[in-house]
Amino acid sequence: MVKAWYMDDSEEDQRLPHRRDDTDVSLEQLAEIGVEYVFVDPKNYKENEKLEKLRSERGYTYMDQIECCREKLPNYDARIKAFYEEHLHDDEEVRFILEGSGYFDVRDKQDKWIRIFLEGGDLIVMPAGIYHRFTLDRNDHVVAVRLFVGDPVWTPLNRPQENLDVRKEYVAKYINA
């Protein structure tokens, strides 16, 4: 089961938990800002009914796999640094963790960071227009499936992007709702 909490303000290693005391965040609280969570058995995931239903309902036609670790990811240090820059996307960001673990950080309605710890079986859907970032944890390894509607677009739009339509739509639907 996914775990989420409010982050502390420490500038220490981004791969640490950065957990504030007694600050768990529930799936309901994540849903209020548009973040959806599903558990999918990572064994034989390509034939998993729950994943197929999600793909069909949401129109995810493209699926690939990425392995993030120093040995497998070209330009590892630069890529990890780029993943951790606060940004948004024009489309939903969907990640399904097969192996390893890492953190997605998202902003709440008051612009505070929520850290979401994901490991094998955790699938997260972040809506278009939400500010977020990703980092590995101290294990420095994750294998993730990425899902997209149509051709994949990996263009991060670094903050601030308040004038983009996708950001305005997100704010209207989740922040000002």
C-alpha atoms as a PDB file:
ATOM      1  CA  MET A   1       0.000   0.000   0.000  1.00  0.00           C
ATOM      2  CA  VAL A   2       1.344   3.406  -0.951  1.00  0.00           C
ATOM      3  CA  LYS A   3       2.544   5.706   1.812  1.00  0.00           C
ATOM      4  CA  ALA A   4       2.433   9.511   1.678  1.00  0.00           C
ATOM      5  CA  TRP A   5       3.342  12.305   4.099  1.00  0.00           C
ATOM      6  CA  TYR A   6       4.149  15.996   4.296  1.00  0.00           C
ATOM      7  CA  MET A   7       7.814  16.763   3.747  1.00  0.00           C
ATOM      8  CA  ASP A   8      10.121  18.589   6.101  1.00  0.00           C
ATOM      9  CA  ASP A   9      12.119  21.618   4.939  1.00  0.00           C
ATOM     10  CA  SER A  10      15.527  19.955   5.118  1.00  0.00           C
ATOM     11  CA  GLU A  11      18.045  20.498   2.321  1.00  0.00           C
ATOM     12  CA  GLU A  12      19.661  17.099   2.964  1.00  0.00           C
ATOM     13  CA  ASP A  13      19.976  14.360   0.337  1.00  0.00           C
ATOM     14  CA  GLN A  14      16.777  14.323  -1.774  1.00  0.00           C
ATOM     15  CA  ARG A  15      16.757  10.513  -1.559  1.00  0.00           C
ATOM     16  CA  LEU A  16      15.981  10.596   2.187  1.00  0.00           C
ATOM     17  CA  PRO A  17      12.340  10.327   3.359  1.00  0.00           C
ATOM     18  CA  HIS A  18      12.131  13.966   4.566  1.00  0.00           C
ATOM     19  CA  ARG A  19       9.144  13.019   6.672  1.00  0.00           C
ATOM     20  CA  ARG A  20       7.565  15.468   9.093  1.00  0.00           C
ATOM     21  CA  ASP A  21       6.378  13.920  12.349  1.00  0.00           C
ATOM     22  CA  ASP A  22       2.742  12.715  12.355  1.00  0.00           C
ATOM     23  CA  THR A  23       1.971  13.984   8.875  1.00  0.00           C
ATOM     24  CA  ASP A  24       0.535  11.008   7.012  1.00  0.00           C
ATOM     25  CA  VAL A  25      -1.479  11.859   3.914  1.00  0.00           C
ATOM     26  CA  SER A  26      -4.378   9.582   2.988  1.00  0.00           C
ATOM     27  CA  LEU A  27      -5.456   8.370  -0.437  1.00  0.00           C
ATOM     28  CA  GLU A  28      -8.521  10.604  -0.023  1.00  0.00           C
ATOM     29  CA  GLN A  29      -6.311  13.651   0.489  1.00  0.00           C
ATOM     30  CA  LEU A  30      -4.306  12.723  -2.609  1.00  0.00           C
ATOM     31  CA  ALA A  31      -7.544  12.327  -4.575  1.00  0.00           C
ATOM     32  CA  GLU A  32      -8.564  15.864  -3.558  1.00  0.00           C
ATOM     33  CA  ILE A  33      -5.595  17.185  -5.567  1.00  0.00           C
ATOM     34  CA  GLY A  34      -6.246  14.777  -8.440  1.00  0.00           C
ATOM     35  CA  VAL A  35      -3.672  12.103  -7.630  1.00  0.00           C
ATOM     36  CA  GLU A  36      -5.014   8.585  -8.106  1.00  0.00           C
ATOM     37  CA  TYR A  37      -3.552   5.355  -6.767  1.00  0.00           C
ATOM     38  CA  VAL A  38      -4.084   1.742  -7.804  1.00  0.00           C
ATOM     39  CA  PHE A  39      -2.306  -1.410  -6.670  1.00  0.00           C
ATOM     40  CA  VAL A  40      -1.504  -3.766  -9.554  1.00  0.00           C
ATOM     41  CA  ASP A  41       0.320  -7.052  -9.047  1.00  0.00           C
ATOM     42  CA  PRO A  42       3.639  -6.528 -10.831  1.00  0.00           C
ATOM     43  CA  LYS A  43       3.887 -10.234 -11.742  1.00  0.00           C
ATOM     44  CA  ASN A  44       2.485 -10.831 -15.229  1.00  0.00           C
ATOM     45  CA  TYR A  45       1.265  -7.237 -15.283  1.00  0.00           C
ATOM     46  CA  LYS A  46       0.798  -7.264 -19.061  1.00  0.00           C
ATOM     47  CA  GLU A  47      -2.132  -9.663 -18.618  1.00  0.00           C
ATOM     48  CA  ASN A  48      -3.492  -7.988 -15.464  1.00  0.00           C
ATOM     49  CA  GLU A  49      -7.230  -7.250 -15.764  1.00  0.00           C
ATOM     50  CA  LYS A  50      -7.074  -4.189 -13.509  1.00  0.00           C
ATOM     51  CA  LEU A  51      -4.299  -2.636 -15.610  1.00  0.00           C
ATOM     52  CA  GLU A  52      -6.053  -3.509 -18.877  1.00  0.00           C
ATOM     53  CA  LYS A  53      -9.282  -1.947 -17.622  1.00  0.00           C
ATOM     54  CA  LEU A  54      -7.441   1.239 -16.647  1.00  0.00           C
ATOM     55  CA  ARG A  55      -5.716   1.379 -20.038  1.00  0.00           C
ATOM     56  CA  SER A  56      -9.006   0.871 -21.862  1.00  0.00           C
ATOM     57  CA  GLU A  57     -11.035   3.369 -19.806  1.00  0.00           C
ATOM     58  CA  ARG A  58      -8.417   6.107 -20.033  1.00  0.00           C
ATOM     59  CA  GLY A  59      -7.207   5.466 -23.567  1.00  0.00           C
ATOM     60  CA  TYR A  60      -3.590   4.621 -22.699  1.00  0.00           C
ATOM     61  CA  THR A  61      -2.308   3.198 -25.956  1.00  0.00           C
ATOM     62  CA  TYR A  62       1.439   3.497 -25.366  1.00  0.00           C
ATOM     63  CA  MET A  63       3.315   1.574 -22.693  1.00  0.00           C
ATOM     64  CA  ASP A  64       7.041   1.198 -22.107  1.00  0.00           C
ATOM     65  CA  GLN A  65       9.447   0.435 -19.310  1.00  0.00           C
ATOM     66  CA  ILE A  66      12.316   2.446 -17.818  1.00  0.00           C
ATOM     67  CA  GLU A  67      15.008   1.321 -15.410  1.00  0.00           C
ATOM     68  CA  CYS A  68      16.533   4.082 -13.324  1.00  0.00           C
ATOM     69  CA  CYS A  69      19.888   3.209 -11.817  1.00  0.00           C
ATOM     70  CA  ARG A  70      23.429   4.343 -12.454  1.00  0.00           C
ATOM     71  CA  GLU A  71      24.241   1.270 -14.575  1.00  0.00           C
ATOM     72  CA  LYS A  72      21.188   1.436 -16.866  1.00  0.00           C
ATOM     73  CA  LEU A  73      20.150   5.096 -17.266  1.00  0.00           C
ATOM     74  CA  PRO A  74      22.321   7.093 -19.701  1.00  0.00           C
ATOM     75  CA  ASN A  75      23.503  10.421 -18.253  1.00  0.00           C
ATOM     76  CA  TYR A  76      22.287   9.229 -14.855  1.00  0.00           C
ATOM     77  CA  ASP A  77      23.278  12.247 -12.734  1.00  0.00           C
ATOM     78  CA  ALA A  78      21.833  14.797 -15.168  1.00  0.00           C
ATOM     79  CA  ARG A  79      18.613  12.803 -15.637  1.00  0.00           C
ATOM     80  CA  ILE A  80      18.041  12.333 -11.898  1.00  0.00           C
ATOM     81  CA  LYS A  81      18.661  16.047 -11.364  1.00  0.00           C
ATOM     82  CA  ALA A  82      16.164  16.900 -14.142  1.00  0.00           C
ATOM     83  CA  PHE A  83      13.512  14.529 -12.711  1.00  0.00           C
ATOM     84  CA  TYR A  84      13.778  16.403  -9.398  1.00  0.00           C
ATOM     85  CA  GLU A  85      13.149  19.854 -10.892  1.00  0.00           C
ATOM     86  CA  GLU A  86       9.624  20.996 -10.061  1.00  0.00           C
ATOM     87  CA  HIS A  87       7.550  20.794 -13.235  1.00  0.00           C
ATOM     88  CA  LEU A  88       4.220  19.901 -14.785  1.00  0.00           C
ATOM     89  CA  HIS A  89       3.082  18.206 -17.983  1.00  0.00           C
ATOM     90  CA  ASP A  90       0.347  18.835 -20.548  1.00  0.00           C
ATOM     91  CA  ASP A  91      -0.837  15.235 -20.073  1.00  0.00           C
ATOM     92  CA  GLU A  92      -1.402  12.900 -17.157  1.00  0.00           C
ATOM     93  CA  GLU A  93       1.723  11.264 -15.812  1.00  0.00           C
ATOM     94  CA  VAL A  94       1.230   7.577 -15.100  1.00  0.00           C
ATOM     95  CA  ARG A  95       3.885   5.446 -13.447  1.00  0.00           C
ATOM     96  CA  PHE A  96       3.593   1.831 -12.378  1.00  0.00           C
ATOM     97  CA  ILE A  97       6.458   0.503 -10.262  1.00  0.00           C
ATOM     98  CA  LEU A  98       7.583  -3.033 -11.051  1.00  0.00           C
ATOM     99  CA  GLU A  99      10.749  -3.194  -8.925  1.00  0.00           C
ATOM    100  CA  GLY A 100      12.643  -0.955  -6.561  1.00  0.00           C
ATOM    101  CA  SER A 101      11.279   2.220  -5.055  1.00  0.00           C
ATOM    102  CA  GLY A 102      11.276   5.990  -5.228  1.00  0.00           C
ATOM    103  CA  TYR A 103       9.398   9.167  -4.372  1.00  0.00           C
ATOM    104  CA  PHE A 104       7.011  11.387  -6.262  1.00  0.00           C
ATOM    105  CA  ASP A 105       6.513  14.775  -4.631  1.00  0.00           C
ATOM    106  CA  VAL A 106       3.349  16.759  -5.398  1.00  0.00           C
ATOM    107  CA  ARG A 107       2.043  20.125  -4.205  1.00  0.00           C
ATOM    108  CA  ASP A 108      -1.082  20.304  -2.030  1.00  0.00           C
ATOM    109  CA  LYS A 109      -3.718  23.067  -2.134  1.00  0.00           C
ATOM    110  CA  GLN A 110      -1.548  25.281   0.089  1.00  0.00           C
ATOM    111  CA  ASP A 111       1.523  24.663  -2.121  1.00  0.00           C
ATOM    112  CA  LYS A 112       3.210  22.390   0.445  1.00  0.00           C
ATOM    113  CA  TRP A 113       5.106  19.294  -0.647  1.00  0.00           C
ATOM    114  CA  ILE A 114       3.586  15.857  -0.156  1.00  0.00           C
ATOM    115  CA  ARG A 115       6.017  12.964  -0.615  1.00  0.00           C
ATOM    116  CA  ILE A 116       4.578   9.731  -2.032  1.00  0.00           C
ATOM    117  CA  PHE A 117       6.659   6.575  -1.559  1.00  0.00           C
ATOM    118  CA  LEU A 118       6.131   4.055  -4.346  1.00  0.00           C
ATOM    119  CA  GLU A 119       7.385   0.484  -4.596  1.00  0.00           C
ATOM    120  CA  GLY A 120       6.536  -2.679  -6.525  1.00  0.00           C
ATOM    121  CA  GLY A 121       2.846  -2.835  -7.432  1.00  0.00           C
ATOM    122  CA  ASP A 122       2.112   0.858  -6.884  1.00  0.00           C
ATOM    123  CA  LEU A 123       0.554   2.712  -9.825  1.00  0.00           C
ATOM    124  CA  ILE A 124       0.044   6.452  -9.614  1.00  0.00           C
ATOM    125  CA  VAL A 125      -1.804   8.801 -11.954  1.00  0.00           C
ATOM    126  CA  MET A 126      -0.985  12.495 -11.630  1.00  0.00           C
ATOM    127  CA  PRO A 127      -3.266  14.879 -13.479  1.00  0.00           C
ATOM    128  CA  ALA A 128      -2.076  17.226 -16.195  1.00  0.00           C
ATOM    129  CA  GLY A 129      -1.098  20.574 -14.718  1.00  0.00           C
ATOM    130  CA  ILE A 130      -0.004  19.398 -11.241  1.00  0.00           C
ATOM    131  CA  TYR A 131       3.430  20.502 -10.073  1.00  0.00           C
ATOM    132  CA  HIS A 132       5.526  17.492  -9.153  1.00  0.00           C
ATOM    133  CA  ARG A 133       8.996  15.947  -9.172  1.00  0.00           C
ATOM    134  CA  PHE A 134      10.581  12.500  -8.827  1.00  0.00           C
ATOM    135  CA  THR A 135      13.609  11.071  -7.087  1.00  0.00           C
ATOM    136  CA  LEU A 136      14.934   7.675  -6.261  1.00  0.00           C
ATOM    137  CA  ASP A 137      15.328   6.668  -2.634  1.00  0.00           C
ATOM    138  CA  ARG A 138      18.618   5.502  -1.101  1.00  0.00           C
ATOM    139  CA  ASN A 139      18.376   2.185  -2.983  1.00  0.00           C
ATOM    140  CA  ASP A 140      19.040   4.071  -6.254  1.00  0.00           C
ATOM    141  CA  HIS A 141      16.994   1.656  -8.335  1.00  0.00           C
ATOM    142  CA  VAL A 142      13.516   1.550  -9.800  1.00  0.00           C
ATOM    143  CA  VAL A 143      11.913  -0.191 -12.768  1.00  0.00           C
ATOM    144  CA  ALA A 144       8.742   1.571 -13.874  1.00  0.00           C
ATOM    145  CA  VAL A 145       6.149   1.228 -16.594  1.00  0.00           C
ATOM    146  CA  ARG A 146       5.079   4.478 -18.242  1.00  0.00           C
ATOM    147  CA  LEU A 147       1.645   4.842 -19.841  1.00  0.00           C
ATOM    148  CA  PHE A 148       0.492   7.497 -22.296  1.00  0.00           C
ATOM    149  CA  VAL A 149      -2.448   8.382 -24.484  1.00  0.00           C
ATOM    150  CA  GLY A 150      -1.009   8.341 -28.006  1.00  0.00           C
ATOM    151  CA  ASP A 151       2.666   9.065 -28.567  1.00  0.00           C
ATOM    152  CA  PRO A 152       4.699   9.654 -25.410  1.00  0.00           C
ATOM    153  CA  VAL A 153       5.583  13.210 -24.465  1.00  0.00           C
ATOM    154  CA  TRP A 154       8.238  13.683 -21.815  1.00  0.00           C
ATOM    155  CA  THR A 155       8.511  17.450 -21.985  1.00  0.00           C
ATOM    156  CA  PRO A 156       8.695  18.882 -18.455  1.00  0.00           C
ATOM    157  CA  LEU A 157       7.465  22.452 -18.113  1.00  0.00           C
ATOM    158  CA  ASN A 158       9.398  23.841 -15.165  1.00  0.00           C
ATOM    159  CA  ARG A 159       7.694  26.076 -12.643  1.00  0.00           C
ATOM    160  CA  PRO A 160       6.319  28.718 -12.959  1.00  0.00           C
ATOM    161  CA  GLN A 161       3.710  27.908 -15.612  1.00  0.00           C
ATOM    162  CA  GLU A 162       0.649  29.655 -14.156  1.00  0.00           C
ATOM    163  CA  ASN A 163      -0.433  31.067 -17.538  1.00  0.00           C
ATOM    164  CA  LEU A 164      -0.644  27.708 -19.303  1.00  0.00           C
ATOM    165  CA  ASP A 165      -4.193  26.527 -19.987  1.00  0.00           C
ATOM    166  CA  VAL A 166      -3.434  23.084 -18.527  1.00  0.00           C
ATOM    167  CA  ARG A 167      -2.313  24.688 -15.252  1.00  0.00           C
ATOM    168  CA  LYS A 168      -5.343  26.994 -15.144  1.00  0.00           C
ATOM    169  CA  GLU A 169      -7.629  23.978 -15.708  1.00  0.00           C
ATOM    170  CA  TYR A 170      -5.894  22.031 -12.940  1.00  0.00           C
ATOM    171  CA  VAL A 171      -6.162  24.942 -10.488  1.00  0.00           C
ATOM    172  CA  ALA A 172      -9.856  25.468 -11.299  1.00  0.00           C
ATOM    173  CA  LYS A 173     -10.678  21.771 -10.889  1.00  0.00           C
ATOM    174  CA  TYR A 174      -8.592  20.888  -7.812  1.00  0.00           C
ATOM    175  CA  ILE A 175      -7.166  23.918  -6.025  1.00  0.00           C
ATOM    176  CA  ASN A 176     -10.068  26.380  -6.193  1.00  0.00           C
ATOM    177  CA  ALA A 177     -12.795  23.716  -6.089  1.00  0.00           C
END
